[in-house]
Amino acid sequence: QITDTLGTDLPDEFLMIFTAGLFFCYWIYKPLVLSKKMIGHPLIVLLIISFAWSLLSAIFSTEFLLSFKFLLAKSWYAGAFILAPLILFREKKMISKAIMALTIAMIIVTIITMVRHYEYGYTFATINKALYPFFRNHVNYSAMLVCLIPVVCMYWYSVKPGAIKRLSFIVLLILLAALILSFARGAWLALLTGLLTVWLIKKRLLVLSYALIIIFLIGSLFWIKSNDRYLQFAHDYKTTIWHKDFGEHLTATYQFKDVSTAERFYRWIAGVRMIKDNWLTGYGPNSFYNNYRPYAIPAFKTWVSNNGEHSTVHNYFLLVTIEQGIPGLILFLLLAGAMLYYSQHLYHRINDIFYKKIAMTTGVIIIMILTVNFLSDLIETDKIGSLFFLCLSMLVVIDKKSERNLRKFK
């Protein structure tokens, strides 16, 4: 945190700026390095439209400076994790190197974390201490862990029996153990949805399931909001506390006595109430913290509602709606849905085993990211945000690669 209003992620963000800058210099030098078909891909077009809407909502923002900084950061995220990979990922060798670099780096951090956590007795209360300085908290760490598991699974499934296969299985067991010891409920749920996604892609049911879940969640929201039903879930301020023991933490969760769950309700309710006053363009990107308090309901207040960390609403879909209006949410849902469509479509269209597995793995990771973002807001972070955009660029590259192969075959 450089000042009260300016912070950065070191060294990630400077590397993003450097990579994005290199890409744009190279693009100016060789404009044809990205074809019009690549830039005109539906996923890229949807992303550009979504970014344009973010720009429009920033113009009408209640916090123009914060929104402008958000857009700057999003531009080098896109440059580093979408546009640059469109050039780099054209060969299987480069894709394999990128996957290996990510996997090895994360495994090293995981082992360091587990050794440190062992010194603290693998307790729920000390997991965040063991993560410093690699991750801000166990939520970010667990989200990266769960998204790496399908990558390692794909590799283990692909290699022939032998020492490498045994080693990859050991790595998989380490990652699963680390995920359990991360004590993150959202990541555990994401692992289950990821397993289900494999079956849904094979049965061509992924996009339909995604649409039905959206309809169900919207219906549930209207039901709980009508007649102020949500007031029935108000907790007792005195008994809603943070639990150091994870067993007590889980028990408190379903009893609505866990402070993190209760605080989510506090902010979700405030967030939903905010929408009606700025439903079209929202309050502007990165503006939730400065606007939500007048909409909060005291009955749901918790011990941590002073929000010293300046954290947001802990639901990315709601956050987008608040900050960029209902059109912003629709655009994000369309983009995520299109990514799921292409992962399923490419899996069934492609005959190349390598790209087929990449398409499947990408679809699983996207669902996992969407799952953890239902309880958090990680798309704009340097960890999960980078994976989300890398998945998008990977799908574009595979789609264009397979199109060329189909034309050659014909």
Foldseek 3Di string as FASTA:
>chain_A
DPDPQDDDDPPLQVVLVVQLVVLVVVCVVPVPLQPPCLCPPPLNVLVVVLLVLLVVLLVQAPCNVSQVVLSVSVSSLCSRQFRSCLNQVLDPVSVVVVLVVLLVVLLVLLVQLVVQCVVVVLFQQCSCVSNPPPDNALLLNLLLLLLNLLVLVLVLVPDDDDDVNVVSVVSNVSSVVSNVSSLDPLSVVLNVVLVVLLVCLVVVNQLVVLVVVVVVVVVVVVVCPPPVVVLVLQDDQVQQEDDRGSVVQVVCQVVVSHNLNLVLSQLLQLLVQLCVVPQAQANHPPCQLVPRVVSGDVSSDYPCVVPPVSFHNQAQLSNQCRHGHPVSSVSVSVSLSVLLNLLSVLLVLDPPPSLNSLSSSLNSSSSSLNSSNRRGRPCSPSRSVSSVSNSSNSSSSSVVSVVVVVVVVD
